[in-house]
Amino acid sequence: MDAIDLRLIDLLRENARSSYAELARQVGLSAPAVHERVGKLEAAGTIRAYRAEVEHEAIGLGVTALIGIVEDSGADTDDVLSALRVMPEIESCYFMAGVESYQLTVRVGTIAELEQLIVRINRTRGVASTRTAIALSTKWENRPQPGLDPAVG
């Protein structure tokens, strides 16, 4: 991966709907060359997906919470993850170092729905306990990080 690939990634993270012509103009290559590079980044799994960023309240998901999960000492990690994966309210799941095994980001419409989700998670085989923090507001999320300059590091 070179500086042009990193710049393309930055540009696509800022606006995934940019045309190949626009990307080409910004990196100083032809549109076909950019198309080929982006295709290689996709094939390699560096670019995994393109998504729409939405206003969660506008689609009925106005409650965001972070739920930490402590696994039971005898838990089967694969079983716990399988059970969590089918819960559509869970937006992301991180494996953590420390007391909590997982950190979830969840989105629901109401506090009552959050309560129901917490109960379901706590009833999941292999879950010893949970800890929940409710976000009062979102200041920012999914902020693109600047690409690394290969000349620096």
N, C-alpha and C. Protein backbone atom coordinates (compact mmCIF):
# COMPACT_ATOMS: atom_id res chain seq x y z
N MET A 1 0.85 -1.17 0.00
CA MET A 1 0.00 0.00 0.00
C MET A 1 0.90 1.23 0.00
N ASP A 2 0.61 2.14 -0.91
CA ASP A 2 1.43 3.34 -1.02
C ASP A 2 0.62 4.58 -0.62
N ALA A 3 1.22 5.74 -0.75
CA ALA A 3 0.59 6.99 -0.34
C ALA A 3 -0.69 7.26 -1.14
N ILE A 4 -0.73 6.86 -2.41
CA ILE A 4 -1.94 7.08 -3.21
C ILE A 4 -3.08 6.21 -2.70
N ASP A 5 -2.79 4.96 -2.38
CA ASP A 5 -3.83 4.09 -1.81
C ASP A 5 -4.37 4.68 -0.52
N LEU A 6 -3.48 5.15 0.34
CA LEU A 6 -3.92 5.73 1.61
C LEU A 6 -4.78 6.98 1.38
N ARG A 7 -4.40 7.79 0.39
CA ARG A 7 -5.18 8.99 0.08
C ARG A 7 -6.56 8.59 -0.46
N LEU A 8 -6.61 7.57 -1.32
CA LEU A 8 -7.90 7.10 -1.84
C LEU A 8 -8.80 6.62 -0.70
N ILE A 9 -8.22 5.90 0.24
CA ILE A 9 -8.99 5.43 1.39
C ILE A 9 -9.54 6.62 2.18
N ASP A 10 -8.70 7.63 2.42
CA ASP A 10 -9.16 8.83 3.12
C ASP A 10 -10.32 9.48 2.37
N LEU A 11 -10.18 9.64 1.07
CA LEU A 11 -11.21 10.29 0.27
C LEU A 11 -12.51 9.50 0.28
N LEU A 12 -12.41 8.18 0.19
CA LEU A 12 -13.61 7.35 0.23
C LEU A 12 -14.26 7.33 1.60
N ARG A 13 -13.47 7.43 2.65
CA ARG A 13 -14.05 7.50 4.00
C ARG A 13 -14.78 8.81 4.19
N GLU A 14 -14.31 9.88 3.56
CA GLU A 14 -14.99 11.17 3.64
C GLU A 14 -16.27 11.17 2.82
N ASN A 15 -16.21 10.54 1.62
CA ASN A 15 -17.39 10.49 0.74
C ASN A 15 -17.28 9.26 -0.16
N ALA A 16 -17.92 8.19 0.24
CA ALA A 16 -17.85 6.94 -0.51
C ALA A 16 -18.57 7.03 -1.85
N ARG A 17 -19.31 8.10 -2.08
CA ARG A 17 -20.03 8.26 -3.34
C ARG A 17 -19.23 9.05 -4.37
N SER A 18 -17.99 9.39 -4.05
CA SER A 18 -17.15 10.11 -5.01
C SER A 18 -16.97 9.28 -6.27
N SER A 19 -17.01 9.94 -7.40
CA SER A 19 -16.80 9.23 -8.67
C SER A 19 -15.32 8.92 -8.84
N TYR A 20 -15.05 7.95 -9.70
CA TYR A 20 -13.65 7.64 -10.00
C TYR A 20 -12.96 8.84 -10.63
N ALA A 21 -13.71 9.61 -11.42
CA ALA A 21 -13.13 10.81 -12.04
C ALA A 21 -12.72 11.83 -10.97
N GLU A 22 -13.58 12.02 -9.97
CA GLU A 22 -13.26 12.97 -8.90
C GLU A 22 -12.08 12.47 -8.06
N LEU A 23 -12.09 11.19 -7.73
CA LEU A 23 -10.96 10.63 -6.99
C LEU A 23 -9.67 10.78 -7.78
N ALA A 24 -9.74 10.49 -9.08
CA ALA A 24 -8.56 10.59 -9.95
C ALA A 24 -8.01 12.01 -9.95
N ARG A 25 -8.91 12.99 -10.04
CA ARG A 25 -8.48 14.39 -10.03
C ARG A 25 -7.73 14.72 -8.74
N GLN A 26 -8.21 14.18 -7.62
CA GLN A 26 -7.61 14.52 -6.33
C GLN A 26 -6.29 13.81 -6.06
N VAL A 27 -6.07 12.66 -6.71
CA VAL A 27 -4.80 11.94 -6.48
C VAL A 27 -3.84 12.02 -7.66
N GLY A 28 -4.28 12.64 -8.75
CA GLY A 28 -3.38 12.84 -9.88
C GLY A 28 -3.20 11.63 -10.77
N LEU A 29 -4.19 10.76 -10.85
CA LEU A 29 -4.15 9.59 -11.73
C LEU A 29 -5.34 9.64 -12.68
N SER A 30 -5.39 8.71 -13.61
CA SER A 30 -6.54 8.57 -14.49
C SER A 30 -7.66 7.84 -13.76
N ALA A 31 -8.89 8.05 -14.22
CA ALA A 31 -10.03 7.36 -13.62
C ALA A 31 -9.88 5.84 -13.72
N PRO A 32 -9.45 5.28 -14.86
CA PRO A 32 -9.27 3.82 -14.91
C PRO A 32 -8.21 3.31 -13.91
N ALA A 33 -7.15 4.09 -13.71
CA ALA A 33 -6.12 3.68 -12.74
C ALA A 33 -6.68 3.68 -11.33
N VAL A 34 -7.51 4.68 -11.01
CA VAL A 34 -8.14 4.75 -9.69
C VAL A 34 -9.12 3.59 -9.53
N HIS A 35 -9.90 3.31 -10.55
CA HIS A 35 -10.85 2.20 -10.53
C HIS A 35 -10.11 0.89 -10.22
N GLU A 36 -8.98 0.69 -10.86
CA GLU A 36 -8.19 -0.53 -10.63
C GLU A 36 -7.66 -0.58 -9.20
N ARG A 37 -7.15 0.54 -8.70
CA ARG A 37 -6.62 0.57 -7.32
C ARG A 37 -7.72 0.30 -6.30
N VAL A 38 -8.87 0.94 -6.49
CA VAL A 38 -9.98 0.73 -5.55
C VAL A 38 -10.43 -0.73 -5.61
N GLY A 39 -10.50 -1.29 -6.79
CA GLY A 39 -10.86 -2.70 -6.94
C GLY A 39 -9.90 -3.61 -6.19
N LYS A 40 -8.60 -3.30 -6.26
CA LYS A 40 -7.61 -4.11 -5.54
C LYS A 40 -7.76 -3.95 -4.03
N LEU A 41 -8.07 -2.73 -3.57
CA LEU A 41 -8.29 -2.51 -2.14
C LEU A 41 -9.53 -3.28 -1.66
N GLU A 42 -10.55 -3.34 -2.49
CA GLU A 42 -11.75 -4.11 -2.14
C GLU A 42 -11.45 -5.61 -2.13
N ALA A 43 -10.74 -6.07 -3.16
CA ALA A 43 -10.42 -7.51 -3.26
C ALA A 43 -9.55 -7.97 -2.11
N ALA A 44 -8.66 -7.10 -1.63
CA ALA A 44 -7.77 -7.44 -0.52
C ALA A 44 -8.48 -7.37 0.83
N GLY A 45 -9.70 -6.82 0.86
CA GLY A 45 -10.43 -6.70 2.12
C GLY A 45 -10.08 -5.45 2.89
N THR A 46 -9.26 -4.58 2.32
CA THR A 46 -8.93 -3.31 2.98
C THR A 46 -10.16 -2.43 3.03
N ILE A 47 -10.86 -2.33 1.91
CA ILE A 47 -12.17 -1.67 1.88
C ILE A 47 -13.19 -2.79 1.98
N ARG A 48 -13.91 -2.81 3.10
CA ARG A 48 -14.83 -3.92 3.37
C ARG A 48 -16.26 -3.64 2.93
N ALA A 49 -16.68 -2.37 2.96
CA ALA A 49 -18.07 -2.07 2.63
C ALA A 49 -18.25 -0.57 2.43
N TYR A 50 -19.37 -0.21 1.87
CA TYR A 50 -19.79 1.18 1.73
C TYR A 50 -21.14 1.29 2.41
N ARG A 51 -21.31 2.32 3.25
CA ARG A 51 -22.54 2.44 4.03
C ARG A 51 -23.06 3.87 4.00
N ALA A 52 -24.35 3.99 4.27
CA ALA A 52 -24.95 5.30 4.44
C ALA A 52 -24.90 5.66 5.92
N GLU A 53 -24.49 6.85 6.22
CA GLU A 53 -24.52 7.33 7.60
C GLU A 53 -25.87 8.00 7.81
N VAL A 54 -26.62 7.54 8.81
CA VAL A 54 -27.98 8.03 9.00
C VAL A 54 -28.13 8.75 10.34
N GLU A 55 -29.18 9.55 10.43
CA GLU A 55 -29.57 10.18 11.68
C GLU A 55 -30.42 9.16 12.42
N HIS A 56 -29.88 8.59 13.48
CA HIS A 56 -30.54 7.48 14.16
C HIS A 56 -31.91 7.85 14.72
N GLU A 57 -32.06 9.04 15.25
CA GLU A 57 -33.36 9.45 15.78
C GLU A 57 -34.41 9.48 14.67
N ALA A 58 -34.01 9.86 13.46
CA ALA A 58 -34.95 9.96 12.35
C ALA A 58 -35.49 8.60 11.94
N ILE A 59 -34.77 7.53 12.25
CA ILE A 59 -35.24 6.18 11.89
C ILE A 59 -35.70 5.41 13.12
N GLY A 60 -35.97 6.14 14.21
CA GLY A 60 -36.56 5.51 15.38
C GLY A 60 -35.59 4.82 16.32
N LEU A 61 -34.30 5.16 16.22
CA LEU A 61 -33.29 4.55 17.10
C LEU A 61 -32.59 5.64 17.92
N GLY A 62 -33.37 6.35 18.73
CA GLY A 62 -32.86 7.50 19.45
C GLY A 62 -32.09 7.20 20.73
N VAL A 63 -32.04 5.94 21.17
CA VAL A 63 -31.32 5.59 22.39
C VAL A 63 -30.08 4.79 22.03
N THR A 64 -28.93 5.32 22.41
CA THR A 64 -27.65 4.64 22.19
C THR A 64 -27.08 4.28 23.56
N ALA A 65 -26.63 3.06 23.69
CA ALA A 65 -26.04 2.62 24.96
C ALA A 65 -24.81 1.78 24.69
N LEU A 66 -23.92 1.77 25.66
CA LEU A 66 -22.73 0.92 25.65
C LEU A 66 -22.94 -0.12 26.74
N ILE A 67 -22.82 -1.38 26.36
CA ILE A 67 -23.04 -2.46 27.31
C ILE A 67 -21.77 -3.29 27.40
N GLY A 68 -21.21 -3.36 28.60
CA GLY A 68 -20.06 -4.21 28.85
C GLY A 68 -20.55 -5.56 29.35
N ILE A 69 -19.95 -6.63 28.83
CA ILE A 69 -20.35 -7.98 29.22
C ILE A 69 -19.18 -8.69 29.89
N VAL A 70 -19.46 -9.26 31.07
CA VAL A 70 -18.50 -10.13 31.74
C VAL A 70 -18.95 -11.55 31.44
N GLU A 71 -18.06 -12.32 30.85
CA GLU A 71 -18.37 -13.72 30.52
C GLU A 71 -18.23 -14.59 31.75
N ASP A 72 -19.08 -15.60 31.82
CA ASP A 72 -18.99 -16.64 32.82
C ASP A 72 -17.66 -17.37 32.62
N SER A 73 -17.03 -17.80 33.70
CA SER A 73 -15.71 -18.45 33.58
C SER A 73 -15.74 -19.71 32.71
N GLY A 74 -16.87 -20.39 32.66
CA GLY A 74 -16.97 -21.60 31.86
C GLY A 74 -17.65 -21.38 30.52
N ALA A 75 -17.79 -20.13 30.12
CA ALA A 75 -18.54 -19.82 28.90
C ALA A 75 -17.82 -20.30 27.65
N ASP A 76 -18.61 -20.68 26.67
CA ASP A 76 -18.09 -20.97 25.34
C ASP A 76 -18.21 -19.67 24.55
N THR A 77 -17.06 -19.06 24.27
CA THR A 77 -17.03 -17.76 23.60
C THR A 77 -17.80 -17.77 22.28
N ASP A 78 -17.65 -18.83 21.51
CA ASP A 78 -18.35 -18.91 20.22
C ASP A 78 -19.86 -18.90 20.41
N ASP A 79 -20.35 -19.58 21.45
CA ASP A 79 -21.79 -19.61 21.72
C ASP A 79 -22.29 -18.22 22.12
N VAL A 80 -21.52 -17.54 22.97
CA VAL A 80 -21.91 -16.19 23.40
C VAL A 80 -21.97 -15.27 22.18
N LEU A 81 -20.93 -15.30 21.36
CA LEU A 81 -20.90 -14.43 20.18
C LEU A 81 -22.02 -14.77 19.20
N SER A 82 -22.33 -16.03 19.03
CA SER A 82 -23.43 -16.43 18.14
C SER A 82 -24.76 -15.87 18.64
N ALA A 83 -24.97 -15.94 19.95
CA ALA A 83 -26.20 -15.41 20.53
C ALA A 83 -26.29 -13.89 20.37
N LEU A 84 -25.17 -13.21 20.55
CA LEU A 84 -25.16 -11.75 20.41
C LEU A 84 -25.35 -11.33 18.95
N ARG A 85 -24.74 -12.07 18.05
CA ARG A 85 -24.76 -11.71 16.62
C ARG A 85 -26.18 -11.65 16.06
N VAL A 86 -27.11 -12.42 16.60
CA VAL A 86 -28.48 -12.43 16.06
C VAL A 86 -29.36 -11.34 16.67
N MET A 87 -28.83 -10.56 17.59
CA MET A 87 -29.61 -9.46 18.18
C MET A 87 -29.38 -8.21 17.33
N PRO A 88 -30.39 -7.81 16.55
CA PRO A 88 -30.19 -6.71 15.59
C PRO A 88 -29.92 -5.36 16.25
N GLU A 89 -30.24 -5.23 17.52
CA GLU A 89 -30.00 -3.95 18.21
C GLU A 89 -28.51 -3.69 18.43
N ILE A 90 -27.70 -4.74 18.37
CA ILE A 90 -26.26 -4.60 18.62
C ILE A 90 -25.58 -4.14 17.34
N GLU A 91 -25.06 -2.94 17.38
CA GLU A 91 -24.40 -2.34 16.21
C GLU A 91 -22.95 -2.78 16.10
N SER A 92 -22.27 -2.88 17.23
CA SER A 92 -20.87 -3.31 17.19
C SER A 92 -20.54 -4.09 18.46
N CYS A 93 -19.53 -4.94 18.34
CA CYS A 93 -19.10 -5.78 19.46
C CYS A 93 -17.58 -5.83 19.43
N TYR A 94 -16.97 -5.42 20.52
CA TYR A 94 -15.51 -5.41 20.63
C TYR A 94 -15.08 -6.39 21.71
N PHE A 95 -14.07 -7.19 21.43
CA PHE A 95 -13.46 -8.06 22.43
C PHE A 95 -12.49 -7.20 23.22
N MET A 96 -12.58 -7.23 24.54
CA MET A 96 -11.86 -6.29 25.37
C MET A 96 -10.80 -6.97 26.24
N ALA A 97 -9.80 -6.21 26.60
CA ALA A 97 -8.86 -6.61 27.64
C ALA A 97 -9.41 -6.06 28.95
N GLY A 98 -9.25 -6.78 30.03
CA GLY A 98 -9.76 -6.31 31.31
C GLY A 98 -10.87 -7.18 31.83
N VAL A 99 -11.65 -6.65 32.77
CA VAL A 99 -12.69 -7.42 33.43
C VAL A 99 -13.80 -7.80 32.46
N GLU A 100 -14.23 -6.86 31.64
CA GLU A 100 -15.30 -7.12 30.69
C GLU A 100 -14.74 -7.78 29.44
N SER A 101 -15.42 -8.81 28.99
CA SER A 101 -14.98 -9.55 27.80
C SER A 101 -15.36 -8.83 26.52
N TYR A 102 -16.53 -8.19 26.51
CA TYR A 102 -17.04 -7.53 25.31
C TYR A 102 -17.59 -6.16 25.65
N GLN A 103 -17.49 -5.26 24.70
CA GLN A 103 -18.12 -3.94 24.78
C GLN A 103 -19.03 -3.83 23.57
N LEU A 104 -20.32 -3.64 23.82
CA LEU A 104 -21.30 -3.53 22.75
C LEU A 104 -21.75 -2.09 22.59
N THR A 105 -22.01 -1.69 21.37
CA THR A 105 -22.73 -0.46 21.09
C THR A 105 -24.09 -0.89 20.60
N VAL A 106 -25.14 -0.41 21.26
CA VAL A 106 -26.50 -0.81 20.88
C VAL A 106 -27.33 0.43 20.59
N ARG A 107 -28.32 0.24 19.72
CA ARG A 107 -29.25 1.32 19.39
C ARG A 107 -30.67 0.77 19.42
N VAL A 108 -31.53 1.46 20.16
CA VAL A 108 -32.93 1.08 20.29
C VAL A 108 -33.78 2.34 20.26
N GLY A 109 -35.09 2.15 20.20
CA GLY A 109 -35.98 3.30 20.13
C GLY A 109 -36.33 3.92 21.46
N THR A 110 -36.41 3.08 22.52
CA THR A 110 -36.86 3.57 23.82
C THR A 110 -36.05 2.93 24.94
N ILE A 111 -36.15 3.53 26.11
CA ILE A 111 -35.51 2.96 27.29
C ILE A 111 -36.13 1.59 27.61
N ALA A 112 -37.42 1.44 27.39
CA ALA A 112 -38.06 0.14 27.62
C ALA A 112 -37.47 -0.93 26.71
N GLU A 113 -37.18 -0.59 25.46
CA GLU A 113 -36.55 -1.55 24.55
C GLU A 113 -35.13 -1.88 25.00
N LEU A 114 -34.43 -0.87 25.55
CA LEU A 114 -33.09 -1.12 26.08
C LEU A 114 -33.16 -2.08 27.25
N GLU A 115 -34.14 -1.87 28.12
CA GLU A 115 -34.32 -2.77 29.26
C GLU A 115 -34.56 -4.20 28.80
N GLN A 116 -35.40 -4.37 27.81
CA GLN A 116 -35.69 -5.71 27.28
C GLN A 116 -34.43 -6.35 26.69
N LEU A 117 -33.63 -5.55 25.98
CA LEU A 117 -32.39 -6.07 25.40
C LEU A 117 -31.41 -6.49 26.49
N ILE A 118 -31.28 -5.67 27.54
CA ILE A 118 -30.37 -6.01 28.64
C ILE A 118 -30.79 -7.32 29.29
N VAL A 119 -32.10 -7.49 29.48
CA VAL A 119 -32.60 -8.74 30.06
C VAL A 119 -32.24 -9.91 29.16
N ARG A 120 -32.44 -9.77 27.84
CA ARG A 120 -32.09 -10.85 26.90
C ARG A 120 -30.60 -11.17 26.95
N ILE A 121 -29.78 -10.14 27.01
CA ILE A 121 -28.33 -10.37 27.06
C ILE A 121 -27.97 -11.08 28.36
N ASN A 122 -28.53 -10.63 29.47
CA ASN A 122 -28.22 -11.26 30.76
C ASN A 122 -28.70 -12.70 30.85
N ARG A 123 -29.71 -13.05 30.07
CA ARG A 123 -30.22 -14.43 30.06
C ARG A 123 -29.44 -15.32 29.09
N THR A 124 -28.51 -14.74 28.37
CA THR A 124 -27.72 -15.50 27.40
C THR A 124 -26.74 -16.41 28.14
N ARG A 125 -26.73 -17.68 27.76
CA ARG A 125 -25.81 -18.64 28.38
C ARG A 125 -24.37 -18.15 28.18
N GLY A 126 -23.64 -18.10 29.27
CA GLY A 126 -22.25 -17.67 29.22
C GLY A 126 -22.04 -16.23 29.66
N VAL A 127 -23.12 -15.48 29.86
CA VAL A 127 -23.01 -14.09 30.32
C VAL A 127 -23.18 -14.08 31.83
N ALA A 128 -22.14 -13.63 32.55
CA ALA A 128 -22.20 -13.56 34.01
C ALA A 128 -22.86 -12.27 34.47
N SER A 129 -22.52 -11.15 33.81
CA SER A 129 -23.11 -9.86 34.20
C SER A 129 -22.90 -8.85 33.08
N THR A 130 -23.63 -7.74 33.19
CA THR A 130 -23.49 -6.64 32.24
C THR A 130 -23.38 -5.32 33.00
N ARG A 131 -22.86 -4.34 32.32
CA ARG A 131 -22.79 -2.96 32.83
C ARG A 131 -23.19 -2.06 31.68
N THR A 132 -24.16 -1.18 31.90
CA THR A 132 -24.70 -0.36 30.82
C THR A 132 -24.51 1.12 31.10
N ALA A 133 -24.09 1.85 30.08
CA ALA A 133 -24.01 3.30 30.11
C ALA A 133 -24.84 3.82 28.95
N ILE A 134 -25.72 4.78 29.22
CA ILE A 134 -26.58 5.36 28.20
C ILE A 134 -25.98 6.67 27.72
N ALA A 135 -25.87 6.82 26.40
CA ALA A 135 -25.35 8.06 25.82
C ALA A 135 -26.45 9.12 25.88
N LEU A 136 -26.12 10.28 26.44
CA LEU A 136 -27.09 11.37 26.50
C LEU A 136 -27.19 12.09 25.16
N SER A 137 -26.06 12.19 24.47
CA SER A 137 -26.04 12.78 23.12
C SER A 137 -24.79 12.28 22.42
N THR A 138 -24.78 12.44 21.12
CA THR A 138 -23.61 12.05 20.32
C THR A 138 -22.95 13.31 19.81
N LYS A 139 -21.71 13.50 20.20
CA LYS A 139 -20.96 14.68 19.74
C LYS A 139 -20.34 14.40 18.38
N TRP A 140 -19.83 13.20 18.17
CA TRP A 140 -19.41 12.72 16.85
C TRP A 140 -19.20 11.23 16.93
N GLU A 141 -19.25 10.58 15.78
CA GLU A 141 -18.95 9.16 15.66
C GLU A 141 -18.55 8.88 14.23
N ASN A 142 -17.89 7.75 14.03
CA ASN A 142 -17.45 7.33 12.70
C ASN A 142 -16.61 8.39 12.00
N ARG A 143 -15.84 9.12 12.77
CA ARG A 143 -15.00 10.17 12.19
C ARG A 143 -13.84 9.52 11.45
N PRO A 144 -13.67 9.83 10.17
CA PRO A 144 -12.53 9.26 9.44
C PRO A 144 -11.21 9.71 10.05
N GLN A 145 -10.31 8.78 10.17
CA GLN A 145 -8.97 9.07 10.67
C GLN A 145 -8.09 9.37 9.46
N PRO A 146 -7.17 10.31 9.60
CA PRO A 146 -6.28 10.58 8.46
C PRO A 146 -5.39 9.37 8.20
N GLY A 147 -5.09 9.14 6.92
CA GLY A 147 -4.21 8.04 6.54
C GLY A 147 -2.81 8.26 7.07
N LEU A 148 -2.10 7.18 7.20
CA LEU A 148 -0.72 7.26 7.65
C LEU A 148 0.17 7.63 6.50
N ASP A 149 1.08 8.54 6.72
CA ASP A 149 2.03 8.91 5.70
C ASP A 149 3.17 7.92 5.72
N PRO A 150 3.34 7.09 4.65
CA PRO A 150 4.39 6.07 4.67
C PRO A 150 5.78 6.66 4.81
N ALA A 151 5.95 7.93 4.46
CA ALA A 151 7.26 8.55 4.58
C ALA A 151 7.61 8.86 6.05
N VAL A 152 6.58 8.99 6.89
CA VAL A 152 6.80 9.33 8.29
C VAL A 152 7.07 8.09 9.13
N GLY A 153 6.29 7.02 8.91
CA GLY A 153 6.39 5.92 9.84
C GLY A 153 6.89 4.68 9.26
